[in-house]
Amino acid sequence: MVFVFIILAINMPKIQNLDESTLIGTYHSKKLPFATIVFDEEDHHTFYYYNRSEVDKGAYSQKTDTTYVINSSKFHNLKIIYDKKRRTFKIKIDNETYVFKQLDTIPYIIDNSN
């Protein structure tokens, strides 16, 4: 019984972090299948947008618990609302709104050039 308590005590911070989700990692949209949006918190809050031959890089900042602002050459002070429960956000790209869903908490690039 003491062994189980020790295991739970060691893993409790990891379990709590699942509820305290932030905008980080790799996101994809079914409606825009060749696009990937990446948020890399550890690389000075760097934001990447990849869509076939288009690549954009900028920065993002958190304004409230669920509101973020992204800045790059393509996106100028664009506010996005992060749905922590669904791990999604909506973003307007070229006058069309897309929903992006988190694929992974690890920021990585999906190469769709093949």
C-alpha atoms as a PDB file:
ATOM      1  CA  MET A   1       0.000   0.000   0.000  1.00  0.00           C
ATOM      2  CA  VAL A   2       2.851   2.399   0.826  1.00  0.00           C
ATOM      3  CA  PHE A   3       4.439   1.545  -2.541  1.00  0.00           C
ATOM      4  CA  VAL A   4       1.250   2.613  -4.393  1.00  0.00           C
ATOM      5  CA  PHE A   5       1.167   5.892  -2.461  1.00  0.00           C
ATOM      6  CA  ILE A   6       4.795   6.618  -3.384  1.00  0.00           C
ATOM      7  CA  ILE A   7       4.095   5.936  -7.082  1.00  0.00           C
ATOM      8  CA  LEU A   8       1.076   8.275  -6.998  1.00  0.00           C
ATOM      9  CA  ALA A   9       3.032  10.989  -5.193  1.00  0.00           C
ATOM     10  CA  ILE A  10       5.823  10.858  -7.765  1.00  0.00           C
ATOM     11  CA  ASN A  11       3.427  10.979 -10.732  1.00  0.00           C
ATOM     12  CA  MET A  12       0.965  13.545  -9.347  1.00  0.00           C
ATOM     13  CA  PRO A  13       2.688  16.561 -10.989  1.00  0.00           C
ATOM     14  CA  LYS A  14       2.499  14.777 -14.371  1.00  0.00           C
ATOM     15  CA  ILE A  15      -1.208  14.025 -13.893  1.00  0.00           C
ATOM     16  CA  GLN A  16      -1.934  17.631 -12.869  1.00  0.00           C
ATOM     17  CA  ASN A  17      -0.107  19.004 -15.938  1.00  0.00           C
ATOM     18  CA  LEU A  18      -2.568  17.222 -18.235  1.00  0.00           C
ATOM     19  CA  ASP A  19      -5.313  19.561 -16.998  1.00  0.00           C
ATOM     20  CA  GLU A  20      -3.116  22.646 -17.300  1.00  0.00           C
ATOM     21  CA  SER A  21      -2.773  22.405 -21.058  1.00  0.00           C
ATOM     22  CA  THR A  22      -1.204  25.265 -22.997  1.00  0.00           C
ATOM     23  CA  LEU A  23      -0.830  26.019 -26.662  1.00  0.00           C
ATOM     24  CA  ILE A  24       2.236  23.937 -27.486  1.00  0.00           C
ATOM     25  CA  GLY A  25       3.134  21.253 -29.990  1.00  0.00           C
ATOM     26  CA  THR A  26       1.972  20.336 -33.482  1.00  0.00           C
ATOM     27  CA  TYR A  27      -1.477  21.109 -34.908  1.00  0.00           C
ATOM     28  CA  HIS A  28      -3.238  20.000 -38.089  1.00  0.00           C
ATOM     29  CA  SER A  29      -6.505  20.828 -39.854  1.00  0.00           C
ATOM     30  CA  LYS A  30      -8.636  18.296 -41.741  1.00  0.00           C
ATOM     31  CA  LYS A  31      -9.968  21.119 -43.901  1.00  0.00           C
ATOM     32  CA  LEU A  32      -6.427  22.216 -44.835  1.00  0.00           C
ATOM     33  CA  PRO A  33      -4.639  18.844 -45.083  1.00  0.00           C
ATOM     34  CA  PHE A  34      -1.227  20.093 -46.179  1.00  0.00           C
ATOM     35  CA  ALA A  35      -0.858  22.707 -43.447  1.00  0.00           C
ATOM     36  CA  THR A  36       0.861  22.315 -40.103  1.00  0.00           C
ATOM     37  CA  ILE A  37       1.061  24.873 -37.312  1.00  0.00           C
ATOM     38  CA  VAL A  38       3.713  24.390 -34.652  1.00  0.00           C
ATOM     39  CA  PHE A  39       4.075  26.179 -31.315  1.00  0.00           C
ATOM     40  CA  ASP A  40       7.471  25.729 -29.666  1.00  0.00           C
ATOM     41  CA  GLU A  41       7.389  27.199 -26.177  1.00  0.00           C
ATOM     42  CA  GLU A  42      10.955  26.180 -25.385  1.00  0.00           C
ATOM     43  CA  ASP A  43      12.344  27.982 -28.473  1.00  0.00           C
ATOM     44  CA  HIS A  44      11.408  31.468 -27.211  1.00  0.00           C
ATOM     45  CA  HIS A  45       7.712  30.945 -28.035  1.00  0.00           C
ATOM     46  CA  THR A  46       8.382  30.412 -31.725  1.00  0.00           C
ATOM     47  CA  PHE A  47       5.458  29.870 -34.089  1.00  0.00           C
ATOM     48  CA  TYR A  48       5.767  28.029 -37.433  1.00  0.00           C
ATOM     49  CA  TYR A  49       3.261  27.712 -40.269  1.00  0.00           C
ATOM     50  CA  TYR A  50       3.910  25.192 -43.063  1.00  0.00           C
ATOM     51  CA  ASN A  51       1.649  24.700 -46.072  1.00  0.00           C
ATOM     52  CA  ARG A  52       3.215  22.875 -49.022  1.00  0.00           C
ATOM     53  CA  SER A  53       5.641  25.454 -50.443  1.00  0.00           C
ATOM     54  CA  GLU A  54       4.721  28.226 -47.966  1.00  0.00           C
ATOM     55  CA  VAL A  55       6.715  28.574 -44.750  1.00  0.00           C
ATOM     56  CA  ASP A  56       6.200  31.262 -42.128  1.00  0.00           C
ATOM     57  CA  LYS A  57       7.943  31.781 -38.805  1.00  0.00           C
ATOM     58  CA  GLY A  58       7.158  34.179 -35.999  1.00  0.00           C
ATOM     59  CA  ALA A  59       6.430  34.405 -32.304  1.00  0.00           C
ATOM     60  CA  TYR A  60       3.435  33.894 -30.085  1.00  0.00           C
ATOM     61  CA  SER A  61       2.477  35.111 -26.647  1.00  0.00           C
ATOM     62  CA  GLN A  62      -0.164  34.192 -24.125  1.00  0.00           C
ATOM     63  CA  LYS A  63      -2.500  37.058 -23.158  1.00  0.00           C
ATOM     64  CA  THR A  64      -5.010  35.207 -20.951  1.00  0.00           C
ATOM     65  CA  ASP A  65      -5.579  31.624 -19.883  1.00  0.00           C
ATOM     66  CA  THR A  66      -6.933  30.716 -23.338  1.00  0.00           C
ATOM     67  CA  THR A  67      -6.077  33.721 -25.545  1.00  0.00           C
ATOM     68  CA  TYR A  68      -2.879  33.874 -27.575  1.00  0.00           C
ATOM     69  CA  VAL A  69      -1.519  36.341 -30.141  1.00  0.00           C
ATOM     70  CA  ILE A  70       0.670  35.247 -33.052  1.00  0.00           C
ATOM     71  CA  ASN A  71       2.948  37.519 -35.066  1.00  0.00           C
ATOM     72  CA  SER A  72       4.774  36.738 -38.283  1.00  0.00           C
ATOM     73  CA  SER A  73       5.007  38.025 -41.835  1.00  0.00           C
ATOM     74  CA  LYS A  74       1.708  36.257 -42.655  1.00  0.00           C
ATOM     75  CA  PHE A  75      -0.127  36.767 -39.352  1.00  0.00           C
ATOM     76  CA  HIS A  76      -0.054  40.259 -37.814  1.00  0.00           C
ATOM     77  CA  ASN A  77      -1.168  40.393 -34.164  1.00  0.00           C
ATOM     78  CA  LEU A  78      -3.685  37.640 -34.836  1.00  0.00           C
ATOM     79  CA  LYS A  79      -5.646  36.631 -31.737  1.00  0.00           C
ATOM     80  CA  ILE A  80      -6.592  32.975 -31.349  1.00  0.00           C
ATOM     81  CA  ILE A  81      -8.643  31.310 -28.627  1.00  0.00           C
ATOM     82  CA  TYR A  82      -7.358  27.923 -27.477  1.00  0.00           C
ATOM     83  CA  ASP A  83      -9.952  25.331 -26.443  1.00  0.00           C
ATOM     84  CA  LYS A  84      -8.050  23.402 -23.770  1.00  0.00           C
ATOM     85  CA  LYS A  85     -10.614  20.629 -23.508  1.00  0.00           C
ATOM     86  CA  ARG A  86     -10.629  19.843 -27.236  1.00  0.00           C
ATOM     87  CA  ARG A  87      -7.033  21.011 -27.754  1.00  0.00           C
ATOM     88  CA  THR A  88      -8.109  23.042 -30.778  1.00  0.00           C
ATOM     89  CA  PHE A  89      -8.121  26.615 -32.023  1.00  0.00           C
ATOM     90  CA  LYS A  90      -9.640  28.448 -34.972  1.00  0.00           C
ATOM     91  CA  ILE A  91      -7.511  30.584 -37.236  1.00  0.00           C
ATOM     92  CA  LYS A  92      -8.272  32.705 -40.279  1.00  0.00           C
ATOM     93  CA  ILE A  93      -5.953  31.981 -43.221  1.00  0.00           C
ATOM     94  CA  ASP A  94      -6.442  33.736 -46.548  1.00  0.00           C
ATOM     95  CA  ASN A  95      -9.966  34.894 -45.558  1.00  0.00           C
ATOM     96  CA  GLU A  96     -11.095  31.388 -44.575  1.00  0.00           C
ATOM     97  CA  THR A  97     -11.485  30.005 -41.031  1.00  0.00           C
ATOM     98  CA  TYR A  98      -9.891  26.671 -40.153  1.00  0.00           C
ATOM     99  CA  VAL A  99      -9.938  24.544 -37.007  1.00  0.00           C
ATOM    100  CA  PHE A 100      -6.567  23.111 -36.014  1.00  0.00           C
ATOM    101  CA  LYS A 101      -6.359  20.178 -33.587  1.00  0.00           C
ATOM    102  CA  GLN A 102      -3.322  19.113 -31.598  1.00  0.00           C
ATOM    103  CA  LEU A 103      -1.590  16.042 -33.025  1.00  0.00           C
ATOM    104  CA  ASP A 104       1.164  15.984 -30.439  1.00  0.00           C
ATOM    105  CA  THR A 105       2.537  18.052 -27.559  1.00  0.00           C
ATOM    106  CA  ILE A 106       5.950  17.796 -29.236  1.00  0.00           C
ATOM    107  CA  PRO A 107       6.631  20.477 -31.866  1.00  0.00           C
ATOM    108  CA  TYR A 108       7.608  18.819 -35.146  1.00  0.00           C
ATOM    109  CA  ILE A 109       7.197  19.368 -38.884  1.00  0.00           C
ATOM    110  CA  ILE A 110       5.014  17.135 -41.051  1.00  0.00           C
ATOM    111  CA  ASP A 111       6.569  16.847 -44.491  1.00  0.00           C
ATOM    112  CA  ASN A 112       3.821  16.568 -47.110  1.00  0.00           C
ATOM    113  CA  SER A 113       6.056  17.342 -50.086  1.00  0.00           C
ATOM    114  CA  ASN A 114       6.186  13.760 -51.385  1.00  0.00           C
END
